[in-house]
Amino acid sequence: MRCAIYARYSSDLQRESSIEDQIRKCRTFASQQGWTVLEEFVRFDQAISGASLASRNALLSLLEDAKKDPLPYDRLLVDDTSRLARNIEDALHLSDILRFNGVGVTAISQGIDSQQKSARSLLALHGIIDEQYLTGLAEKVHRGQEGRVLKGLHPGGRCYGYRNVPIEDPTRPAKYGRPAVTGVLLEIDQEQASIVRRIFREYAEGFSLAAIAKRLNADGILSPQPSQAQRERSWSVSSLYEILRRDRYRGVFVWNRTKKERNPETGRKVSRPRPLSEWQTVLVPNWRIVSDQLWGSA
């Protein structure tokens, strides 16, 4: 029996050494069965979610190899079904493709052999469990973000005019021996804040967004980030428009406006708007950069 091995870890859920652990476990199992592991077919995907097949180049390459004639390997070994997929449709689809091309799949931890009569039912059962794990994890992350927002903490990302200050817990070690981060404070960057106030002030004085962008660029003031069409950090009408509509500059944070959903065709996540009834408004006076008077006149 000629074996391929596939391993995967997600950066949010596991550590890099997980790849080594999975491959070692598969090698041990193959040795116990008297099977041969083909080194050129020992492959892995790092820091990639199992929720879809998108960007999982190692797994997709194994699928393409399985379609070759003559067949290059007879069996694909994985530590458990969640390494193959955390989506029931993908798990069954992958197994079907491999089986059609004469390749068996063995999920070692669960003792599932795709060539057994009960294999499809077991894959479906564990596929539901694996998929539900991701759903539950997403709910926990969202709930944790909500708790941080209600405490006046920053849920994540960068915002012009502020700097992110991590709150560390020295009693809880994290990766590489660093203290665990329990939250993030949003601290005003005074230099950038002065630019924000200038933008609001000039707009209130009647300057157009194009004129403001031209003045800022002439003064050599860097924009928050370069546009997709440019490498230089120059101001544009769109970047200024985003500045002027950002509530947090007046000490108000409107959270939960959008949600991430995975496109079932591409496997990629896209941002979708939430109903207005789900939005949450939190007053955070420490974030205020622009006065109510200036906000109202801009």
Protein backbone atom coordinates (compact mmCIF):
# COMPACT_ATOMS: atom_id res chain seq x y z
CA MET A 1 0.00 0.00 0.00
CA ARG A 2 1.57 3.27 -1.17
CA CYS A 3 0.52 6.16 1.04
CA ALA A 4 0.29 9.93 0.74
CA ILE A 5 -0.05 12.09 3.85
CA TYR A 6 -1.92 15.35 4.20
CA ALA A 7 -1.72 17.68 7.22
CA ARG A 8 -3.14 21.11 7.90
CA TYR A 9 -3.32 23.65 10.68
CA SER A 10 -5.22 26.88 11.09
CA SER A 11 -3.33 29.80 12.58
CA ASP A 12 -6.30 30.64 14.82
CA LEU A 13 -6.65 27.17 16.27
CA GLN A 14 -3.28 25.44 16.35
CA ARG A 15 0.46 25.87 16.33
CA GLU A 16 2.93 25.20 13.55
CA SER A 17 4.30 22.09 15.28
CA SER A 18 0.85 20.58 14.78
CA ILE A 19 1.94 19.77 11.22
CA GLU A 20 4.84 17.71 12.52
CA ASP A 21 2.60 15.95 15.03
CA GLN A 22 0.05 15.00 12.37
CA ILE A 23 2.64 13.69 9.93
CA ARG A 24 4.41 11.71 12.64
CA LYS A 25 1.14 10.09 13.66
CA CYS A 26 0.38 9.15 10.06
CA ARG A 27 3.86 7.70 9.59
CA THR A 28 3.51 5.60 12.73
CA PHE A 29 0.14 4.26 11.59
CA ALA A 30 1.49 3.38 8.13
CA SER A 31 4.44 1.56 9.69
CA GLN A 32 2.14 -0.46 11.93
CA GLN A 33 0.14 -1.54 8.87
CA GLY A 34 3.25 -2.41 6.88
CA TRP A 35 2.45 0.35 4.35
CA THR A 36 4.94 2.56 2.52
CA VAL A 37 4.85 6.36 2.80
CA LEU A 38 5.90 8.09 -0.42
CA GLU A 39 7.88 11.17 0.59
CA GLU A 40 6.98 13.17 -2.53
CA PHE A 41 3.32 12.90 -1.48
CA VAL A 42 3.74 14.11 2.11
CA ARG A 43 2.17 17.55 1.87
CA PHE A 44 0.63 20.16 4.13
CA ASP A 45 -1.17 23.50 4.19
CA GLN A 46 -0.11 26.01 6.84
CA ALA A 47 -2.31 28.65 8.48
CA ILE A 48 -5.30 27.88 6.25
CA SER A 49 -8.84 27.23 7.43
CA GLY A 50 -10.53 23.95 6.62
CA ALA A 51 -13.86 25.71 6.03
CA SER A 52 -13.29 25.68 2.27
CA LEU A 53 -10.89 24.38 -0.38
CA ALA A 54 -9.77 27.86 -1.39
CA SER A 55 -5.97 28.33 -1.25
CA ARG A 56 -5.38 24.79 0.01
CA ASN A 57 -2.76 24.16 -2.65
CA ALA A 58 -1.22 21.09 -1.04
CA LEU A 59 -4.53 19.23 -0.84
CA LEU A 60 -5.57 20.27 -4.33
CA SER A 61 -2.25 19.05 -5.71
CA LEU A 62 -2.83 15.65 -4.10
CA LEU A 63 -6.25 15.50 -5.76
CA GLU A 64 -4.73 16.26 -9.15
CA ASP A 65 -2.08 13.59 -8.64
CA ALA A 66 -4.78 11.06 -7.77
CA LYS A 67 -6.28 11.55 -11.23
CA LYS A 68 -3.09 10.53 -13.04
CA ASP A 69 -2.54 7.28 -14.91
CA PRO A 70 -0.84 5.25 -13.64
CA LEU A 71 -2.09 5.97 -10.13
CA PRO A 72 0.85 7.38 -8.13
CA TYR A 73 -0.43 6.44 -4.65
CA ASP A 74 -3.11 4.16 -3.20
CA ARG A 75 -4.20 5.78 0.06
CA LEU A 76 -4.35 9.21 1.64
CA LEU A 77 -3.67 9.35 5.36
CA VAL A 78 -4.94 12.21 7.56
CA ASP A 79 -4.83 12.56 11.32
CA ASP A 80 -8.60 13.15 11.51
CA THR A 81 -11.46 14.25 9.29
CA SER A 82 -11.21 17.91 10.34
CA ARG A 83 -7.77 18.11 8.68
CA LEU A 84 -9.37 17.11 5.39
CA ALA A 85 -12.27 19.56 5.71
CA ARG A 86 -14.46 21.37 8.24
CA ASN A 87 -17.32 21.38 5.79
CA ILE A 88 -19.52 18.33 5.34
CA GLU A 89 -20.01 18.88 1.60
CA ASP A 90 -16.27 19.21 0.98
CA ALA A 91 -15.44 16.19 3.13
CA LEU A 92 -17.80 13.92 1.20
CA HIS A 93 -16.88 15.45 -2.16
CA LEU A 94 -13.15 14.94 -1.57
CA SER A 95 -13.69 11.35 -0.47
CA ASP A 96 -15.84 10.68 -3.54
CA ILE A 97 -13.21 12.08 -5.93
CA LEU A 98 -10.44 10.03 -4.38
CA ARG A 99 -12.52 6.85 -4.25
CA PHE A 100 -13.56 7.27 -7.90
CA ASN A 101 -9.89 7.45 -8.85
CA GLY A 102 -9.00 4.39 -6.79
CA VAL A 103 -7.56 6.11 -3.73
CA GLY A 104 -8.73 5.27 -0.22
CA VAL A 105 -8.80 7.73 2.66
CA THR A 106 -7.94 6.84 6.25
CA ALA A 107 -8.72 9.19 9.15
CA ILE A 108 -6.48 7.69 11.79
CA SER A 109 -7.85 9.21 15.01
CA GLN A 110 -11.43 8.16 14.23
CA GLY A 111 -10.53 4.85 12.60
CA ILE A 112 -12.42 5.72 9.41
CA ASP A 113 -11.53 3.89 6.20
CA SER A 114 -13.32 5.25 3.14
CA GLN A 115 -13.39 1.77 1.59
CA GLN A 116 -15.57 0.41 4.38
CA LYS A 117 -19.34 0.22 3.84
CA SER A 118 -20.09 2.53 6.76
CA ALA A 119 -17.44 5.09 5.76
CA ARG A 120 -19.75 7.60 4.05
CA SER A 121 -22.12 7.71 7.03
CA LEU A 122 -19.17 8.16 9.41
CA LEU A 123 -17.68 10.90 7.25
CA ALA A 124 -21.04 12.67 7.19
CA LEU A 125 -21.38 12.38 10.97
CA HIS A 126 -17.91 13.69 11.69
CA GLY A 127 -18.32 16.31 8.96
CA ILE A 128 -21.30 17.72 10.83
CA ILE A 129 -19.28 17.75 14.07
CA ASP A 130 -16.28 19.41 12.39
CA GLU A 131 -18.49 22.01 10.73
CA GLN A 132 -20.35 22.77 13.95
CA TYR A 133 -17.03 23.35 15.69
CA LEU A 134 -16.28 26.25 13.33
CA THR A 135 -19.79 27.64 13.80
CA GLY A 136 -19.44 27.51 17.57
CA LEU A 137 -15.99 29.06 17.41
CA ALA A 138 -17.27 31.96 15.28
CA GLU A 139 -20.05 32.57 17.79
CA LYS A 140 -17.56 32.60 20.68
CA VAL A 141 -15.28 35.04 18.86
CA HIS A 142 -18.21 37.33 18.08
CA ARG A 143 -19.42 37.16 21.68
CA GLY A 144 -15.93 37.98 22.92
CA GLN A 145 -15.69 40.96 20.58
CA GLU A 146 -19.06 42.20 21.80
CA GLY A 147 -17.89 42.01 25.40
CA ARG A 148 -14.74 44.00 24.60
CA VAL A 149 -16.71 46.65 22.70
CA LEU A 150 -19.14 47.14 25.60
CA LYS A 151 -16.14 47.71 27.88
CA GLY A 152 -14.82 50.43 25.59
CA LEU A 153 -12.06 48.25 24.17
CA HIS A 154 -11.14 47.94 20.50
CA PRO A 155 -12.36 44.78 18.73
CA GLY A 156 -9.56 44.82 16.18
CA GLY A 157 -8.10 46.48 13.11
CA ARG A 158 -6.36 49.83 12.68
CA CYS A 159 -7.90 53.26 12.49
CA TYR A 160 -6.21 56.50 11.42
CA GLY A 161 -5.87 58.86 14.36
CA TYR A 162 -5.26 56.13 16.91
CA ARG A 163 -2.71 53.53 17.93
CA ASN A 164 -3.50 50.07 19.22
CA VAL A 165 -2.19 49.34 22.71
CA PRO A 166 -2.40 45.65 23.69
CA ILE A 167 -3.47 44.76 27.24
CA GLU A 168 -1.24 41.92 28.39
CA ASP A 169 -1.84 39.44 31.19
CA PRO A 170 1.58 38.43 32.61
CA THR A 171 0.00 35.48 34.42
CA ARG A 172 -1.10 33.86 31.15
CA PRO A 173 1.67 32.83 28.73
CA ALA A 174 0.93 32.87 25.01
CA LYS A 175 2.88 31.96 21.90
CA TYR A 176 6.69 32.22 22.05
CA GLY A 177 6.56 32.89 25.80
CA ARG A 178 4.89 36.26 25.47
CA PRO A 179 2.07 37.28 27.83
CA ALA A 180 -1.46 36.64 26.56
CA VAL A 181 -3.28 39.67 25.13
CA THR A 182 -6.68 40.07 26.79
CA GLY A 183 -7.80 43.14 24.90
CA VAL A 184 -6.73 46.21 22.94
CA LEU A 185 -7.00 49.84 23.98
CA LEU A 186 -7.44 52.50 21.32
CA GLU A 187 -5.15 55.40 22.19
CA ILE A 188 -5.27 58.74 20.35
CA ASP A 189 -2.26 59.49 18.16
CA GLN A 190 -1.97 63.24 18.62
CA GLU A 191 -0.11 63.86 15.37
CA GLN A 192 -2.68 62.01 13.27
CA ALA A 193 -5.54 63.43 15.34
CA SER A 194 -4.48 66.94 14.37
CA ILE A 195 -4.78 65.91 10.70
CA VAL A 196 -8.25 64.51 11.33
CA ARG A 197 -9.35 67.80 12.92
CA ARG A 198 -7.82 69.73 10.00
CA ILE A 199 -9.83 67.66 7.50
CA PHE A 200 -13.08 68.29 9.38
CA ARG A 201 -12.26 71.98 9.76
CA GLU A 202 -11.41 72.56 6.09
CA TYR A 203 -14.49 70.66 4.95
CA ALA A 204 -16.64 72.79 7.28
CA GLU A 205 -15.02 75.89 5.76
CA GLY A 206 -16.26 74.87 2.32
CA PHE A 207 -13.27 73.12 0.74
CA SER A 208 -14.18 70.20 -1.50
CA LEU A 209 -12.77 66.74 -0.79
CA ALA A 210 -10.59 67.00 -3.91
CA ALA A 211 -9.21 70.35 -2.72
CA ILE A 212 -8.49 69.01 0.76
CA ALA A 213 -6.68 65.98 -0.71
CA LYS A 214 -4.58 68.26 -2.91
CA ARG A 215 -3.63 70.47 0.06
CA LEU A 216 -2.68 67.50 2.26
CA ASN A 217 -0.57 65.94 -0.48
CA ALA A 218 1.14 69.27 -1.17
CA ASP A 219 2.08 69.47 2.51
CA GLY A 220 3.62 65.98 2.34
CA ILE A 221 1.16 64.46 4.84
CA LEU A 222 0.91 60.70 4.46
CA SER A 223 -2.51 59.12 4.06
CA PRO A 224 -3.60 56.15 6.23
CA GLN A 225 -2.62 53.68 3.51
CA PRO A 226 -1.94 53.72 -0.24
CA SER A 227 -4.82 53.14 -2.63
CA GLN A 228 -4.85 49.94 -4.68
CA ALA A 229 -3.90 51.86 -7.82
CA GLN A 230 -0.96 53.68 -6.19
CA ARG A 231 2.11 52.75 -4.24
CA GLU A 232 2.53 56.17 -2.70
CA ARG A 233 0.62 57.08 0.44
CA SER A 234 -1.34 60.00 -1.00
CA TRP A 235 -4.77 61.28 0.00
CA SER A 236 -7.78 60.71 -2.24
CA VAL A 237 -11.43 61.73 -2.21
CA SER A 238 -12.49 58.24 -1.07
CA SER A 239 -10.08 58.18 1.90
CA LEU A 240 -11.30 61.61 3.04
CA TYR A 241 -14.92 60.53 2.67
CA GLU A 242 -14.24 57.60 5.02
CA ILE A 243 -12.61 59.94 7.55
CA LEU A 244 -15.61 62.29 7.59
CA ARG A 245 -18.15 59.52 8.20
CA ARG A 246 -16.28 57.72 11.00
CA ASP A 247 -18.31 58.06 14.20
CA ARG A 248 -15.51 57.12 16.55
CA TYR A 249 -13.88 60.52 15.96
CA ARG A 250 -16.72 61.99 18.03
CA GLY A 251 -16.40 59.30 20.72
CA VAL A 252 -19.13 57.03 19.37
CA PHE A 253 -18.53 53.47 18.22
CA VAL A 254 -21.19 51.82 16.07
CA TRP A 255 -20.44 48.10 16.10
CA ASN A 256 -21.91 45.04 14.42
CA ARG A 257 -22.78 46.78 11.17
CA THR A 258 -21.46 43.94 9.02
CA LYS A 259 -20.82 40.22 9.14
CA LYS A 260 -18.53 37.86 7.28
CA GLU A 261 -20.08 35.15 5.15
CA ARG A 262 -18.30 32.57 3.04
CA ASN A 263 -19.19 32.51 -0.64
CA PRO A 264 -20.08 28.86 -1.36
CA GLU A 265 -18.77 29.15 -4.93
CA THR A 266 -15.38 30.75 -4.30
CA GLY A 267 -14.86 29.69 -0.67
CA ARG A 268 -13.81 33.23 0.20
CA LYS A 269 -15.32 35.40 2.92
CA VAL A 270 -17.19 38.56 1.96
CA SER A 271 -18.56 41.35 4.13
CA ARG A 272 -22.36 41.63 4.21
CA PRO A 273 -24.45 44.32 5.97
CA ARG A 274 -26.41 43.41 9.09
CA PRO A 275 -29.95 44.67 9.76
CA LEU A 276 -30.05 48.06 11.47
CA SER A 277 -31.70 46.39 14.48
CA GLU A 278 -28.47 44.46 15.16
CA TRP A 279 -26.21 47.52 15.25
CA GLN A 280 -24.84 48.49 18.66
CA THR A 281 -23.88 52.03 19.59
CA VAL A 282 -21.37 52.51 22.41
CA LEU A 283 -20.21 55.85 23.80
CA VAL A 284 -16.43 55.96 24.26
CA PRO A 285 -15.44 59.49 25.36
CA ASN A 286 -11.73 58.59 25.42
CA TRP A 287 -11.82 58.15 21.65
CA ARG A 288 -13.13 61.65 20.91
CA ILE A 289 -10.96 63.66 18.50
CA VAL A 290 -13.57 66.00 16.97
CA SER A 291 -15.95 68.19 18.99
CA ASP A 292 -19.70 67.93 18.49
CA GLN A 293 -19.70 71.45 17.08
CA LEU A 294 -17.05 70.63 14.44
CA TRP A 295 -18.71 67.29 13.67
CA GLY A 296 -22.05 68.98 13.11
CA SER A 297 -20.65 71.71 10.88
CA ALA A 298 -18.64 69.37 8.63
